[in-house]
């Protein structure tokens, strides 16, 4: 009986020592961020990134003058809203956001398009075959990037003329201008 008791005590002590000797493994940090890239229009808008982690996380840089970040730190899962205001310049804004959670990092490439530069319109037409005093001519405007045109007679807009060509019949001297208009409404008069 003594042997059985002694054996039982030794077995219990061996189990206790093996439990104490085992090292407690730390949970590894996890971090998932999506999407890895976001592009905003020049008009300004809001888009989301999703972060999931098993530890505290933070976003760097915390602020940019053209991008608002709704949440720059947290723990666990979160949806972070990125918001831009209108970019009225022709320059594209860009930045890389770095999300850090413990020893893990992920990046999000963020950019915002600039406005398309106003189209440069040129006008052509030949009035050399017109009788003295009366002029009939078809004017053609050409502008790279133009989606429509605005025509002017002097300083006055000619209503309902948005095509790249315009036929005119005039008496006397008139000055016509055309403005090429791009997809965001920017125009340039020539």
N, C-alpha and C. Protein backbone atom coordinates (compact mmCIF):
# COMPACT_ATOMS: atom_id res chain seq x y z
N UNK A 1 0.80 -1.16 0.00
CA UNK A 1 0.00 0.00 0.00
C UNK A 1 0.86 1.25 0.00
N UNK A 2 2.01 1.17 0.77
CA UNK A 2 2.91 2.29 0.79
C UNK A 2 3.47 2.56 -0.59
N UNK A 3 3.77 1.52 -1.31
CA UNK A 3 4.32 1.69 -2.65
C UNK A 3 3.29 2.34 -3.58
N UNK A 4 2.07 1.94 -3.46
CA UNK A 4 1.03 2.50 -4.30
C UNK A 4 0.81 3.97 -3.97
N UNK A 5 0.82 4.30 -2.66
CA UNK A 5 0.64 5.68 -2.25
C UNK A 5 1.82 6.54 -2.72
N UNK A 6 3.02 6.03 -2.53
CA UNK A 6 4.23 6.74 -2.96
C UNK A 6 4.23 6.91 -4.47
N UNK A 7 3.86 5.90 -5.19
CA UNK A 7 3.79 5.99 -6.65
C UNK A 7 2.76 7.03 -7.07
N UNK A 8 1.61 7.07 -6.41
CA UNK A 8 0.56 8.04 -6.73
C UNK A 8 1.03 9.47 -6.47
N UNK A 9 1.75 9.67 -5.37
CA UNK A 9 2.26 11.01 -5.03
C UNK A 9 3.30 11.43 -6.07
N UNK A 10 4.19 10.54 -6.42
CA UNK A 10 5.21 10.87 -7.43
C UNK A 10 4.58 11.18 -8.78
N UNK A 11 3.59 10.43 -9.14
CA UNK A 11 2.89 10.67 -10.40
C UNK A 11 2.21 12.03 -10.40
N UNK A 12 1.59 12.39 -9.30
CA UNK A 12 0.94 13.71 -9.19
C UNK A 12 1.97 14.82 -9.25
N UNK A 13 3.09 14.66 -8.57
CA UNK A 13 4.14 15.68 -8.60
C UNK A 13 4.72 15.82 -10.01
N UNK A 14 4.92 14.71 -10.69
CA UNK A 14 5.44 14.75 -12.06
C UNK A 14 4.47 15.50 -12.97
N UNK A 15 3.19 15.25 -12.81
CA UNK A 15 2.18 15.96 -13.61
C UNK A 15 2.18 17.45 -13.29
N UNK A 16 2.32 17.80 -12.03
CA UNK A 16 2.34 19.19 -11.61
C UNK A 16 3.57 19.89 -12.19
N UNK A 17 4.73 19.25 -12.09
CA UNK A 17 5.94 19.87 -12.63
C UNK A 17 5.87 20.01 -14.14
N UNK A 18 5.30 19.06 -14.83
CA UNK A 18 5.21 19.17 -16.29
C UNK A 18 4.24 20.28 -16.67
N UNK A 19 3.21 20.51 -15.88
CA UNK A 19 2.26 21.60 -16.17
C UNK A 19 2.93 22.95 -15.93
N UNK A 20 3.67 23.06 -14.84
CA UNK A 20 4.35 24.32 -14.52
C UNK A 20 5.47 24.58 -15.52
N UNK A 21 6.13 23.53 -15.99
CA UNK A 21 7.26 23.69 -16.90
C UNK A 21 6.80 24.10 -18.30
N UNK A 22 5.54 23.83 -18.66
CA UNK A 22 5.06 24.22 -19.99
C UNK A 22 4.94 25.73 -20.06
N UNK A 23 5.44 26.24 -21.09
CA UNK A 23 5.41 27.68 -21.30
C UNK A 23 4.06 28.06 -21.88
N UNK A 24 3.49 29.13 -21.39
CA UNK A 24 2.22 29.61 -21.94
C UNK A 24 2.51 30.35 -23.24
N UNK A 25 1.98 29.81 -24.32
CA UNK A 25 2.20 30.45 -25.62
C UNK A 25 1.28 31.64 -25.76
N UNK A 26 1.88 32.79 -26.18
CA UNK A 26 1.07 33.97 -26.42
C UNK A 26 0.37 33.84 -27.76
N UNK A 27 -0.83 34.42 -27.80
CA UNK A 27 -1.58 34.43 -29.05
C UNK A 27 -0.88 35.38 -30.01
N UNK A 28 -0.70 34.94 -31.24
CA UNK A 28 -0.04 35.78 -32.24
C UNK A 28 -0.98 36.88 -32.69
N UNK A 29 -0.39 38.06 -32.93
CA UNK A 29 -1.19 39.19 -33.42
C UNK A 29 -1.70 38.89 -34.82
N UNK A 30 -2.93 39.31 -35.07
CA UNK A 30 -3.50 39.19 -36.41
C UNK A 30 -3.96 40.58 -36.86
N UNK A 31 -3.90 40.81 -38.16
CA UNK A 31 -4.35 42.08 -38.72
C UNK A 31 -4.78 41.86 -40.15
N UNK A 32 -6.00 42.26 -40.46
CA UNK A 32 -6.51 42.23 -41.83
C UNK A 32 -7.11 43.59 -42.13
N UNK A 33 -6.72 44.16 -43.27
CA UNK A 33 -7.22 45.48 -43.69
C UNK A 33 -7.63 45.36 -45.15
N UNK A 34 -8.83 45.84 -45.48
CA UNK A 34 -9.26 45.83 -46.87
C UNK A 34 -10.15 47.03 -47.14
N UNK A 35 -10.15 47.51 -48.37
CA UNK A 35 -9.31 47.11 -49.49
C UNK A 35 -7.91 47.72 -49.34
N UNK A 36 -6.94 47.20 -50.10
CA UNK A 36 -5.58 47.72 -49.99
C UNK A 36 -5.36 49.02 -50.77
N UNK A 37 -6.35 49.41 -51.57
CA UNK A 37 -6.22 50.62 -52.39
C UNK A 37 -7.59 51.26 -52.58
N UNK A 38 -7.64 52.61 -52.47
CA UNK A 38 -8.88 53.36 -52.67
C UNK A 38 -8.57 54.59 -53.51
N UNK A 39 -9.41 54.83 -54.52
CA UNK A 39 -9.29 56.04 -55.35
C UNK A 39 -10.58 56.83 -55.25
N UNK A 40 -10.45 58.12 -54.97
CA UNK A 40 -11.59 59.02 -54.85
C UNK A 40 -11.67 59.90 -56.10
N UNK A 41 -12.87 60.31 -56.45
CA UNK A 41 -13.06 61.25 -57.55
C UNK A 41 -12.67 62.65 -57.09
N UNK A 42 -12.55 63.56 -58.02
CA UNK A 42 -12.19 64.94 -57.66
C UNK A 42 -13.33 65.65 -56.93
N UNK A 43 -14.56 65.18 -57.10
CA UNK A 43 -15.71 65.84 -56.47
C UNK A 43 -15.73 65.68 -54.95
N UNK A 44 -15.03 64.69 -54.42
CA UNK A 44 -15.06 64.42 -53.00
C UNK A 44 -16.14 63.39 -52.69
N UNK A 45 -15.83 62.48 -51.79
CA UNK A 45 -16.78 61.43 -51.43
C UNK A 45 -16.27 60.69 -50.20
N UNK A 46 -17.04 59.71 -49.74
CA UNK A 46 -16.67 58.90 -48.58
C UNK A 46 -16.60 57.44 -48.99
N UNK A 47 -15.57 56.75 -48.50
CA UNK A 47 -15.42 55.31 -48.73
C UNK A 47 -14.90 54.68 -47.45
N UNK A 48 -15.14 53.36 -47.29
CA UNK A 48 -14.78 52.66 -46.06
C UNK A 48 -13.61 51.71 -46.25
N UNK A 49 -12.84 51.55 -45.17
CA UNK A 49 -11.90 50.43 -45.07
C UNK A 49 -12.33 49.61 -43.86
N UNK A 50 -12.07 48.32 -43.92
CA UNK A 50 -12.43 47.42 -42.84
C UNK A 50 -11.16 46.90 -42.19
N UNK A 51 -11.11 46.99 -40.88
CA UNK A 51 -9.95 46.52 -40.11
C UNK A 51 -10.43 45.44 -39.16
N UNK A 52 -9.69 44.34 -39.10
CA UNK A 52 -9.96 43.33 -38.08
C UNK A 52 -8.63 42.89 -37.49
N UNK A 53 -8.59 42.82 -36.15
CA UNK A 53 -7.37 42.47 -35.44
C UNK A 53 -7.76 41.87 -34.09
N UNK A 54 -6.85 41.13 -33.50
CA UNK A 54 -7.10 40.58 -32.17
C UNK A 54 -6.39 41.40 -31.09
N UNK A 55 -5.94 42.60 -31.47
CA UNK A 55 -5.24 43.47 -30.52
C UNK A 55 -5.50 44.93 -30.89
N UNK A 56 -4.94 45.84 -30.11
CA UNK A 56 -5.07 47.27 -30.41
C UNK A 56 -4.40 47.59 -31.74
N UNK A 57 -4.99 48.52 -32.49
CA UNK A 57 -4.41 48.94 -33.77
C UNK A 57 -4.50 50.46 -33.87
N UNK A 58 -3.66 51.04 -34.74
CA UNK A 58 -3.73 52.47 -35.01
C UNK A 58 -3.37 52.75 -36.47
N UNK A 59 -3.81 53.93 -36.95
CA UNK A 59 -3.58 54.34 -38.34
C UNK A 59 -2.66 55.55 -38.34
N UNK A 60 -1.65 55.53 -39.20
CA UNK A 60 -0.75 56.67 -39.41
C UNK A 60 -0.78 57.04 -40.87
N UNK A 61 -0.68 58.26 -41.32
CA UNK A 61 -0.76 59.44 -40.47
C UNK A 61 -2.19 59.62 -39.98
N UNK A 62 -2.32 60.33 -38.87
CA UNK A 62 -3.64 60.52 -38.27
C UNK A 62 -4.46 61.57 -39.00
N UNK A 63 -3.81 62.47 -39.73
CA UNK A 63 -4.58 63.48 -40.46
C UNK A 63 -3.83 63.94 -41.70
N UNK A 64 -4.61 64.28 -42.71
CA UNK A 64 -4.12 64.88 -43.94
C UNK A 64 -5.07 66.03 -44.26
N UNK A 65 -4.58 67.08 -44.90
CA UNK A 65 -5.46 68.22 -45.13
C UNK A 65 -6.56 67.93 -46.15
N UNK A 66 -6.46 66.89 -46.94
CA UNK A 66 -7.47 66.57 -47.96
C UNK A 66 -8.27 65.31 -47.64
N UNK A 67 -7.92 64.62 -46.54
CA UNK A 67 -8.57 63.35 -46.20
C UNK A 67 -8.92 63.33 -44.72
N UNK A 68 -10.19 63.06 -44.42
CA UNK A 68 -10.64 62.91 -43.04
C UNK A 68 -10.75 61.42 -42.74
N UNK A 69 -10.16 60.99 -41.62
CA UNK A 69 -10.18 59.59 -41.19
C UNK A 69 -11.06 59.52 -39.94
N UNK A 70 -12.18 58.79 -40.02
CA UNK A 70 -13.17 58.80 -38.93
C UNK A 70 -12.65 58.18 -37.64
N UNK A 71 -11.73 57.25 -37.72
CA UNK A 71 -11.24 56.53 -36.55
C UNK A 71 -9.78 56.21 -36.79
N UNK A 72 -8.89 56.61 -35.87
CA UNK A 72 -7.46 56.37 -36.10
C UNK A 72 -6.87 55.33 -35.15
N UNK A 73 -7.68 54.81 -34.22
CA UNK A 73 -7.20 53.73 -33.36
C UNK A 73 -8.40 52.95 -32.85
N UNK A 74 -8.13 51.71 -32.46
CA UNK A 74 -9.20 50.87 -31.95
C UNK A 74 -8.68 49.52 -31.52
N UNK A 75 -9.60 48.61 -31.24
CA UNK A 75 -9.26 47.26 -30.85
C UNK A 75 -10.28 46.33 -31.49
N UNK A 76 -9.80 45.27 -32.12
CA UNK A 76 -10.71 44.32 -32.74
C UNK A 76 -11.11 44.76 -34.14
N UNK A 77 -12.40 44.60 -34.45
CA UNK A 77 -12.89 44.90 -35.79
C UNK A 77 -13.53 46.28 -35.83
N UNK A 78 -13.34 46.97 -36.97
CA UNK A 78 -13.95 48.29 -37.14
C UNK A 78 -14.06 48.63 -38.62
N UNK A 79 -15.02 49.49 -38.92
CA UNK A 79 -15.14 50.09 -40.25
C UNK A 79 -14.74 51.54 -40.11
N UNK A 80 -13.74 51.94 -40.88
CA UNK A 80 -13.22 53.31 -40.82
C UNK A 80 -13.64 54.02 -42.10
N UNK A 81 -14.26 55.18 -41.95
CA UNK A 81 -14.71 55.96 -43.09
C UNK A 81 -13.66 57.00 -43.45
N UNK A 82 -13.26 57.00 -44.73
CA UNK A 82 -12.33 57.99 -45.26
C UNK A 82 -13.16 58.95 -46.10
N UNK A 83 -13.02 60.25 -45.87
CA UNK A 83 -13.83 61.25 -46.56
C UNK A 83 -12.92 62.31 -47.17
N UNK A 84 -13.18 62.63 -48.44
CA UNK A 84 -12.45 63.71 -49.11
C UNK A 84 -13.41 64.85 -49.43
N UNK A 85 -12.85 66.05 -49.51
CA UNK A 85 -13.61 67.21 -50.00
C UNK A 85 -13.23 67.39 -51.46
N UNK A 86 -13.89 68.30 -52.14
CA UNK A 86 -13.60 68.51 -53.56
C UNK A 86 -12.14 68.92 -53.76
N UNK A 87 -11.51 68.29 -54.73
CA UNK A 87 -10.15 68.66 -55.13
C UNK A 87 -10.29 69.52 -56.38
N UNK A 88 -10.22 70.83 -56.23
CA UNK A 88 -10.43 71.72 -57.36
C UNK A 88 -9.15 71.98 -58.15
N UNK A 89 -8.04 71.41 -57.73
CA UNK A 89 -6.80 71.55 -58.49
C UNK A 89 -6.68 70.41 -59.50
N UNK A 90 -5.73 70.52 -60.39
CA UNK A 90 -5.49 69.44 -61.36
C UNK A 90 -4.51 68.40 -60.83
N UNK A 91 -4.01 68.63 -59.62
CA UNK A 91 -3.02 67.74 -59.00
C UNK A 91 -3.73 66.60 -58.28
N UNK A 92 -3.25 65.38 -58.47
CA UNK A 92 -3.79 64.21 -57.77
C UNK A 92 -3.18 64.14 -56.38
N UNK A 93 -4.04 64.00 -55.36
CA UNK A 93 -3.56 63.80 -53.99
C UNK A 93 -3.28 62.32 -53.80
N UNK A 94 -2.25 61.99 -53.04
CA UNK A 94 -2.00 60.58 -52.73
C UNK A 94 -1.31 60.45 -51.38
N UNK A 95 -1.57 59.32 -50.72
CA UNK A 95 -0.96 59.03 -49.43
C UNK A 95 -1.02 57.53 -49.19
N UNK A 96 -0.18 57.07 -48.31
CA UNK A 96 -0.23 55.68 -47.87
C UNK A 96 -0.56 55.68 -46.39
N UNK A 97 -1.67 55.04 -46.04
CA UNK A 97 -2.05 54.88 -44.64
C UNK A 97 -1.43 53.58 -44.14
N UNK A 98 -0.82 53.63 -42.98
CA UNK A 98 -0.22 52.43 -42.39
C UNK A 98 -1.01 52.07 -41.14
N UNK A 99 -1.53 50.84 -41.13
CA UNK A 99 -2.27 50.33 -39.97
C UNK A 99 -1.33 49.38 -39.24
N UNK A 100 -1.15 49.62 -37.94
CA UNK A 100 -0.25 48.80 -37.12
C UNK A 100 -1.03 48.16 -35.99
N UNK A 101 -0.82 46.86 -35.80
CA UNK A 101 -1.41 46.11 -34.69
C UNK A 101 -0.31 45.22 -34.11
N UNK A 102 0.26 45.64 -32.99
CA UNK A 102 1.37 44.89 -32.42
C UNK A 102 2.54 44.85 -33.39
N UNK A 103 2.97 43.65 -33.78
CA UNK A 103 4.08 43.52 -34.72
C UNK A 103 3.63 43.39 -36.17
N UNK A 104 2.34 43.56 -36.42
CA UNK A 104 1.79 43.44 -37.79
C UNK A 104 1.51 44.82 -38.36
N UNK A 105 1.74 44.97 -39.67
CA UNK A 105 1.39 46.21 -40.36
C UNK A 105 0.71 45.88 -41.68
N UNK A 106 -0.14 46.80 -42.11
CA UNK A 106 -0.79 46.71 -43.42
C UNK A 106 -0.91 48.14 -43.94
N UNK A 107 -0.90 48.28 -45.26
CA UNK A 107 -1.00 49.62 -45.85
C UNK A 107 -2.23 49.71 -46.75
N UNK A 108 -2.71 50.95 -46.88
CA UNK A 108 -3.80 51.27 -47.79
C UNK A 108 -3.34 52.46 -48.62
N UNK A 109 -3.25 52.27 -49.94
CA UNK A 109 -2.88 53.36 -50.84
C UNK A 109 -4.14 54.16 -51.14
N UNK A 110 -4.10 55.46 -50.84
CA UNK A 110 -5.26 56.33 -51.01
C UNK A 110 -4.90 57.44 -51.98
N UNK A 111 -5.78 57.68 -52.98
CA UNK A 111 -5.54 58.80 -53.91
C UNK A 111 -6.86 59.47 -54.24
N UNK A 112 -6.75 60.74 -54.61
CA UNK A 112 -7.91 61.51 -55.06
C UNK A 112 -7.50 62.23 -56.33
N UNK A 113 -8.26 61.96 -57.39
CA UNK A 113 -7.98 62.60 -58.67
C UNK A 113 -8.15 64.10 -58.58
N UNK A 114 -7.37 64.82 -59.38
CA UNK A 114 -7.60 66.24 -59.54
C UNK A 114 -8.60 66.44 -60.66
N UNK A 115 -9.11 67.65 -60.79
CA UNK A 115 -10.04 67.93 -61.88
C UNK A 115 -9.29 67.88 -63.21
N UNK A 116 -9.99 67.49 -64.23
CA UNK A 116 -9.39 67.52 -65.56
C UNK A 116 -9.19 68.98 -65.93
N UNK A 117 -8.07 69.32 -66.54
CA UNK A 117 -7.88 70.71 -66.93
C UNK A 117 -8.93 71.11 -67.95
N UNK A 118 -9.33 72.39 -67.93
CA UNK A 118 -10.33 72.83 -68.91
C UNK A 118 -9.83 72.59 -70.33
N UNK A 119 -10.71 72.13 -71.21
CA UNK A 119 -10.31 71.91 -72.60
C UNK A 119 -9.94 73.23 -73.28
N UNK A 120 -8.94 73.21 -74.12
CA UNK A 120 -8.55 74.37 -74.91
C UNK A 120 -9.26 74.28 -76.26
N UNK A 121 -10.15 75.21 -76.53
CA UNK A 121 -10.93 75.18 -77.76
C UNK A 121 -10.25 76.03 -78.84
N UNK A 122 -10.25 75.51 -80.04
CA UNK A 122 -9.82 76.29 -81.20
C UNK A 122 -10.97 76.31 -82.19
N UNK A 123 -11.13 77.43 -82.89
CA UNK A 123 -12.25 77.59 -83.83
C UNK A 123 -11.69 77.77 -85.23
N UNK A 124 -12.33 77.10 -86.18
CA UNK A 124 -11.93 77.28 -87.58
C UNK A 124 -13.18 77.46 -88.43
N UNK A 125 -13.05 78.14 -89.53
CA UNK A 125 -14.14 78.36 -90.48
C UNK A 125 -13.61 79.20 -91.63
N UNK A 126 -14.20 79.08 -92.80
CA UNK A 126 -13.74 79.81 -93.99
C UNK A 126 -14.88 80.66 -94.52
N UNK A 127 -14.74 81.99 -94.43
CA UNK A 127 -15.77 82.88 -94.96
C UNK A 127 -15.29 83.59 -96.23
N UNK A 128 -14.28 83.06 -96.90
CA UNK A 128 -13.72 83.72 -98.08
C UNK A 128 -14.67 83.68 -99.28
N UNK A 129 -15.65 82.77 -99.30
CA UNK A 129 -16.58 82.67 -100.43
C UNK A 129 -17.90 83.38 -100.16
N UNK A 130 -17.98 84.20 -99.14
CA UNK A 130 -19.22 84.88 -98.79
C UNK A 130 -19.32 86.20 -99.55
N UNK A 131 -20.55 86.59 -99.97
CA UNK A 131 -20.73 87.89 -100.63
C UNK A 131 -20.44 89.02 -99.65
N UNK A 132 -20.09 90.17 -100.21
CA UNK A 132 -19.78 91.35 -99.42
C UNK A 132 -20.94 91.68 -98.50
N UNK A 133 -20.68 91.86 -97.20
CA UNK A 133 -21.70 92.29 -96.26
C UNK A 133 -22.44 91.16 -95.59
N UNK A 134 -22.55 89.99 -96.20
CA UNK A 134 -23.24 88.86 -95.58
C UNK A 134 -22.23 87.73 -95.44
N UNK A 135 -22.27 87.08 -94.30
CA UNK A 135 -21.32 86.01 -94.07
C UNK A 135 -22.06 84.77 -93.58
N UNK A 136 -21.86 83.66 -94.28
CA UNK A 136 -22.37 82.36 -93.83
C UNK A 136 -21.16 81.46 -93.68
N UNK A 137 -21.04 80.90 -92.55
CA UNK A 137 -19.87 80.08 -92.29
C UNK A 137 -20.23 79.03 -91.23
N UNK A 138 -19.59 77.90 -91.33
CA UNK A 138 -19.73 76.88 -90.29
C UNK A 138 -18.46 76.94 -89.44
N UNK A 139 -18.64 77.19 -88.17
CA UNK A 139 -17.54 77.25 -87.23
C UNK A 139 -17.38 75.88 -86.58
N UNK A 140 -16.16 75.47 -86.42
CA UNK A 140 -15.88 74.19 -85.78
C UNK A 140 -14.94 74.43 -84.61
N UNK A 141 -15.35 73.96 -83.44
CA UNK A 141 -14.51 74.05 -82.24
C UNK A 141 -13.91 72.69 -81.98
N UNK A 142 -12.69 72.68 -81.53
CA UNK A 142 -12.01 71.43 -81.22
C UNK A 142 -11.30 71.59 -79.89
N UNK A 143 -11.54 70.66 -78.98
CA UNK A 143 -10.89 70.73 -77.67
C UNK A 143 -10.71 69.32 -77.13
N UNK A 144 -9.48 68.97 -76.83
CA UNK A 144 -9.20 67.67 -76.23
C UNK A 144 -9.84 67.60 -74.86
N UNK A 145 -10.59 66.56 -74.60
CA UNK A 145 -11.24 66.38 -73.31
C UNK A 145 -12.61 67.01 -73.19
N UNK A 146 -13.06 67.71 -74.23
CA UNK A 146 -14.37 68.36 -74.16
C UNK A 146 -15.47 67.33 -74.38
N UNK A 147 -16.52 67.41 -73.57
CA UNK A 147 -17.70 66.56 -73.75
C UNK A 147 -18.85 67.36 -74.35
N UNK A 148 -18.75 68.68 -74.30
CA UNK A 148 -19.73 69.57 -74.94
C UNK A 148 -19.09 70.95 -75.09
N UNK A 149 -19.83 71.86 -75.68
CA UNK A 149 -19.31 73.21 -75.94
C UNK A 149 -20.35 74.25 -75.56
N UNK A 150 -19.87 75.44 -75.24
CA UNK A 150 -20.72 76.61 -75.05
C UNK A 150 -20.24 77.63 -76.07
N UNK A 151 -21.16 78.14 -76.89
CA UNK A 151 -20.82 79.12 -77.93
C UNK A 151 -21.23 80.52 -77.49
N UNK A 152 -20.40 81.50 -77.85
CA UNK A 152 -20.64 82.90 -77.50
C UNK A 152 -20.61 83.76 -78.76
N UNK A 153 -21.47 84.77 -78.79
CA UNK A 153 -21.39 85.84 -79.79
C UNK A 153 -21.01 87.07 -78.98
N UNK A 154 -19.75 87.45 -79.06
CA UNK A 154 -19.23 88.48 -78.17
C UNK A 154 -19.23 87.93 -76.75
N UNK A 155 -19.88 88.66 -75.84
CA UNK A 155 -19.95 88.22 -74.44
C UNK A 155 -21.21 87.42 -74.14
N UNK A 156 -22.09 87.27 -75.12
CA UNK A 156 -23.39 86.62 -74.89
C UNK A 156 -23.37 85.15 -75.27
N UNK A 157 -23.89 84.32 -74.37
CA UNK A 157 -24.01 82.89 -74.65
C UNK A 157 -25.08 82.69 -75.71
N UNK A 158 -24.79 81.84 -76.69
CA UNK A 158 -25.77 81.48 -77.72
C UNK A 158 -26.52 80.27 -77.16
N UNK A 159 -27.81 80.40 -76.85
CA UNK A 159 -28.53 79.29 -76.20
C UNK A 159 -28.65 78.06 -77.10
N UNK A 160 -28.66 76.91 -76.45
CA UNK A 160 -28.90 75.61 -77.10
C UNK A 160 -27.85 75.23 -78.13
N UNK A 161 -26.68 75.80 -78.09
CA UNK A 161 -25.59 75.43 -78.99
C UNK A 161 -24.52 74.74 -78.15
N UNK A 162 -24.49 73.40 -78.23
CA UNK A 162 -23.54 72.63 -77.42
C UNK A 162 -22.69 71.68 -78.25
N UNK A 163 -22.94 71.64 -79.57
CA UNK A 163 -22.18 70.75 -80.45
C UNK A 163 -20.84 71.40 -80.80
N UNK A 164 -19.97 70.62 -81.40
CA UNK A 164 -18.65 71.16 -81.76
C UNK A 164 -18.70 72.02 -83.03
N UNK A 165 -19.81 72.00 -83.75
CA UNK A 165 -19.94 72.85 -84.95
C UNK A 165 -21.16 73.75 -84.80
N UNK A 166 -21.09 74.91 -85.47
CA UNK A 166 -22.20 75.84 -85.44
C UNK A 166 -22.19 76.63 -86.75
N UNK A 167 -23.32 76.63 -87.46
CA UNK A 167 -23.46 77.41 -88.70
C UNK A 167 -24.01 78.78 -88.35
N UNK A 168 -23.39 79.83 -88.90
CA UNK A 168 -23.85 81.19 -88.63
C UNK A 168 -23.98 81.96 -89.94
N UNK A 169 -24.97 82.81 -90.00
CA UNK A 169 -25.13 83.76 -91.10
C UNK A 169 -25.29 85.12 -90.46
N UNK A 170 -24.39 86.02 -90.74
CA UNK A 170 -24.43 87.33 -90.09
C UNK A 170 -24.21 88.44 -91.10
N UNK A 171 -24.58 89.62 -90.71
CA UNK A 171 -24.26 90.84 -91.44
C UNK A 171 -23.30 91.62 -90.55
N UNK A 172 -22.30 92.17 -91.12
CA UNK A 172 -21.34 92.94 -90.34
C UNK A 172 -20.34 92.03 -89.65
N UNK A 173 -19.66 92.63 -88.71
CA UNK A 173 -18.57 91.92 -88.04
C UNK A 173 -19.07 91.37 -86.70
N UNK A 174 -18.87 90.08 -86.47
CA UNK A 174 -19.21 89.44 -85.21
C UNK A 174 -18.00 88.64 -84.73
N UNK A 175 -17.88 88.53 -83.44
CA UNK A 175 -16.79 87.75 -82.86
C UNK A 175 -17.41 86.58 -82.11
N UNK A 176 -17.02 85.38 -82.50
CA UNK A 176 -17.55 84.17 -81.88
C UNK A 176 -16.47 83.50 -81.05
N UNK A 177 -16.90 82.95 -79.95
CA UNK A 177 -16.02 82.19 -79.06
C UNK A 177 -16.67 80.84 -78.79
N UNK A 178 -15.84 79.88 -78.48
CA UNK A 178 -16.36 78.58 -78.04
C UNK A 178 -15.60 78.19 -76.78
N UNK A 179 -16.32 77.56 -75.86
CA UNK A 179 -15.71 77.04 -74.65
C UNK A 179 -15.91 75.54 -74.65
N UNK A 180 -14.81 74.81 -74.57
CA UNK A 180 -14.91 73.36 -74.40
C UNK A 180 -15.20 73.06 -72.95
N UNK A 181 -16.15 72.18 -72.68
CA UNK A 181 -16.55 71.84 -71.32
C UNK A 181 -16.20 70.37 -71.08
N UNK A 182 -15.51 70.08 -69.96
CA UNK A 182 -15.16 68.68 -69.68
C UNK A 182 -16.19 68.02 -68.78
N UNK A 183 -15.93 66.78 -68.34
CA UNK A 183 -16.91 65.98 -67.61
C UNK A 183 -17.29 66.56 -66.25
N UNK A 184 -16.48 67.42 -65.68
CA UNK A 184 -16.82 68.01 -64.39
C UNK A 184 -17.29 69.45 -64.51
N UNK A 185 -17.49 69.91 -65.74
CA UNK A 185 -18.03 71.23 -65.95
C UNK A 185 -17.02 72.34 -66.09
N UNK A 186 -15.73 72.02 -66.01
CA UNK A 186 -14.70 73.05 -66.19
C UNK A 186 -14.65 73.45 -67.65
N UNK A 187 -14.53 74.75 -67.92
CA UNK A 187 -14.49 75.19 -69.30
C UNK A 187 -13.42 76.23 -69.50
N UNK A 188 -13.00 76.36 -70.75
CA UNK A 188 -11.99 77.32 -71.12
C UNK A 188 -12.44 77.96 -72.41
N UNK A 189 -12.51 79.28 -72.44
CA UNK A 189 -13.01 80.01 -73.58
C UNK A 189 -11.87 80.36 -74.53
N UNK A 190 -12.13 80.19 -75.84
CA UNK A 190 -11.14 80.57 -76.84
C UNK A 190 -11.83 81.19 -78.02
